[in-house]
C-alpha atoms as a PDB file:
ATOM      1  CA  MET A   1      36.563  74.235 -90.866  1.00  0.00           C
ATOM      2  CA  PRO A   2      39.830  73.633 -88.959  1.00  0.00           C
ATOM      3  CA  ARG A   3      42.606  73.256 -91.275  1.00  0.00           C
ATOM      4  CA  ALA A   4      44.919  69.887 -91.484  1.00  0.00           C
ATOM      5  CA  SER A   5      48.426  69.988 -90.619  1.00  0.00           C
ATOM      6  CA  ALA A   6      50.985  69.064 -93.523  1.00  0.00           C
ATOM      7  CA  ASP A   7      51.911  65.723 -91.877  1.00  0.00           C
ATOM      8  CA  VAL A   8      47.411  64.495 -92.352  1.00  0.00           C
ATOM      9  CA  LYS A   9      46.495  63.112 -95.474  1.00  0.00           C
ATOM     10  CA  VAL A  10      43.203  64.720 -96.471  1.00  0.00           C
ATOM     11  CA  LEU A  11      41.024  61.588 -97.742  1.00  0.00           C
ATOM     12  CA  GLY A  12      38.413  63.321 -98.710  1.00  0.00           C
ATOM     13  CA  VAL A  13      35.170  65.358 -97.960  1.00  0.00           C
ATOM     14  CA  LEU A  14      31.944  64.499 -96.791  1.00  0.00           C
ATOM     15  CA  ASP A  15      29.012  66.087 -98.288  1.00  0.00           C
ATOM     16  CA  LEU A  16      25.583  66.650 -96.023  1.00  0.00           C
ATOM     17  CA  GLN A  17      22.237  67.744 -97.284  1.00  0.00           C
ATOM     18  CA  LEU A  18      19.806  68.134 -94.802  1.00  0.00           C
ATOM     19  CA  SER A  19      16.209  69.420 -96.005  1.00  0.00           C
ATOM     20  CA  LEU A  20      15.596  73.161 -94.469  1.00  0.00           C
ATOM     21  CA  ASP A  21      11.412  72.601 -95.519  1.00  0.00           C
ATOM     22  CA  ASP A  22      10.108  72.001 -91.800  1.00  0.00           C
ATOM     23  CA  VAL A  23      12.543  75.048 -90.655  1.00  0.00           C
ATOM     24  CA  ASP A  24      11.275  77.313 -93.285  1.00  0.00           C
ATOM     25  CA  GLY A  25       7.478  76.488 -92.527  1.00  0.00           C
ATOM     26  CA  GLU A  26       8.347  77.636 -88.822  1.00  0.00           C
ATOM     27  CA  VAL A  27       9.681  80.804 -89.889  1.00  0.00           C
ATOM     28  CA  ALA A  28       6.693  81.386 -91.885  1.00  0.00           C
ATOM     29  CA  SER A  29       4.622  80.477 -89.341  1.00  0.00           C
ATOM     30  CA  MET A  30       6.695  82.821 -86.835  1.00  0.00           C
ATOM     31  CA  LYS A  31       6.872  85.778 -89.256  1.00  0.00           C
ATOM     32  CA  TYR A  32       3.035  85.624 -89.437  1.00  0.00           C
ATOM     33  CA  ARG A  33       2.475  85.518 -85.602  1.00  0.00           C
ATOM     34  CA  VAL A  34       4.760  88.125 -84.978  1.00  0.00           C
ATOM     35  CA  LEU A  35       2.610  90.590 -87.521  1.00  0.00           C
ATOM     36  CA  LEU A  36      -0.600  89.600 -85.773  1.00  0.00           C
ATOM     37  CA  VAL A  37       0.731  90.284 -82.007  1.00  0.00           C
ATOM     38  CA  THR A  38       2.398  93.413 -83.181  1.00  0.00           C
ATOM     39  CA  GLY A  39      -1.007  94.641 -84.863  1.00  0.00           C
ATOM     40  CA  VAL A  40      -2.929  93.328 -81.810  1.00  0.00           C
ATOM     41  CA  GLU A  41      -0.434  95.367 -79.757  1.00  0.00           C
ATOM     42  CA  ILE A  42      -0.691  98.701 -81.899  1.00  0.00           C
ATOM     43  CA  ALA A  43      -4.624  98.656 -81.980  1.00  0.00           C
ATOM     44  CA  LEU A  44      -4.301  97.983 -78.127  1.00  0.00           C
ATOM     45  CA  ILE A  45      -1.912 100.691 -77.560  1.00  0.00           C
ATOM     46  CA  SER A  46      -3.980 102.842 -80.044  1.00  0.00           C
ATOM     47  CA  LEU A  47      -7.086 102.769 -78.286  1.00  0.00           C
ATOM     48  CA  LEU A  48      -5.448 103.622 -74.974  1.00  0.00           C
ATOM     49  CA  ILE A  49      -4.470 106.643 -76.423  1.00  0.00           C
ATOM     50  CA  ILE A  50      -7.862 107.806 -77.144  1.00  0.00           C
ATOM     51  CA  PHE A  51      -9.545 106.792 -74.362  1.00  0.00           C
ATOM     52  CA  PHE A  52      -6.783 109.161 -72.063  1.00  0.00           C
ATOM     53  CA  THR A  53      -6.813 111.651 -74.823  1.00  0.00           C
ATOM     54  CA  ARG A  54     -10.939 111.770 -74.164  1.00  0.00           C
ATOM     55  CA  ARG A  55     -10.723 111.353 -70.540  1.00  0.00           C
ATOM     56  CA  PHE A  56      -8.163 113.935 -69.689  1.00  0.00           C
ATOM     57  CA  LEU A  57      -7.973 116.444 -71.906  1.00  0.00           C
ATOM     58  CA  THR A  58     -11.466 116.364 -74.517  1.00  0.00           C
ATOM     59  CA  ARG A  59     -13.780 115.998 -71.747  1.00  0.00           C
ATOM     60  CA  PRO A  60     -12.315 118.806 -69.188  1.00  0.00           C
ATOM     61  CA  VAL A  61     -11.946 121.266 -72.043  1.00  0.00           C
ATOM     62  CA  GLU A  62     -16.020 120.746 -72.823  1.00  0.00           C
ATOM     63  CA  LYS A  63     -16.578 121.235 -69.546  1.00  0.00           C
ATOM     64  CA  LEU A  64     -14.660 124.862 -69.422  1.00  0.00           C
ATOM     65  CA  ILE A  65     -16.756 125.486 -72.148  1.00  0.00           C
ATOM     66  CA  GLU A  66     -20.138 124.603 -71.283  1.00  0.00           C
ATOM     67  CA  ALA A  67     -19.729 125.865 -67.590  1.00  0.00           C
ATOM     68  CA  PRO A  68     -21.221 129.339 -67.350  1.00  0.00           C
ATOM     69  CA  THR A  69     -18.781 131.705 -65.792  1.00  0.00           C
ATOM     70  CA  PRO A  70     -19.966 134.088 -62.685  1.00  0.00           C
ATOM     71  CA  SER A  71     -19.092 137.146 -65.304  1.00  0.00           C
ATOM     72  CA  ALA A  72     -21.824 135.931 -67.616  1.00  0.00           C
ATOM     73  CA  ARG A  73     -24.485 135.760 -65.439  1.00  0.00           C
ATOM     74  CA  TRP A  74     -24.367 139.281 -64.261  1.00  0.00           C
ATOM     75  CA  ASN A  75     -26.348 141.945 -65.750  1.00  0.00           C
ATOM     76  CA  TRP A  76     -24.599 144.020 -67.896  1.00  0.00           C
ATOM     77  CA  THR A  77     -27.070 146.419 -69.224  1.00  0.00           C
ATOM     78  CA  SER A  78     -27.744 148.262 -65.379  1.00  0.00           C
ATOM     79  CA  ARG A  79     -25.914 150.360 -63.763  1.00  0.00           C
ATOM     80  CA  SER A  80     -25.020 150.492 -60.423  1.00  0.00           C
ATOM     81  CA  THR A  81     -26.585 152.561 -58.078  1.00  0.00           C
ATOM     82  CA  TRP A  82     -23.187 153.328 -55.578  1.00  0.00           C
END
């Protein structure tokens, strides 16, 4: 509020009253929309992390475990003749 100089006489104060019910409703609506969008984003990011973890980490490790190695096919009980 600007100050009046010493030579200006203040005659009164204007009191203005506004209803903020509409603004409060908009703020509440925005809050729920933000929470909804945040929840959806967290769910999508979680699904992407699960997908890429399974595709690029779990599946290759499972293939390594299931794949027979060349040494597993050898007959280790017989002796070599050379």
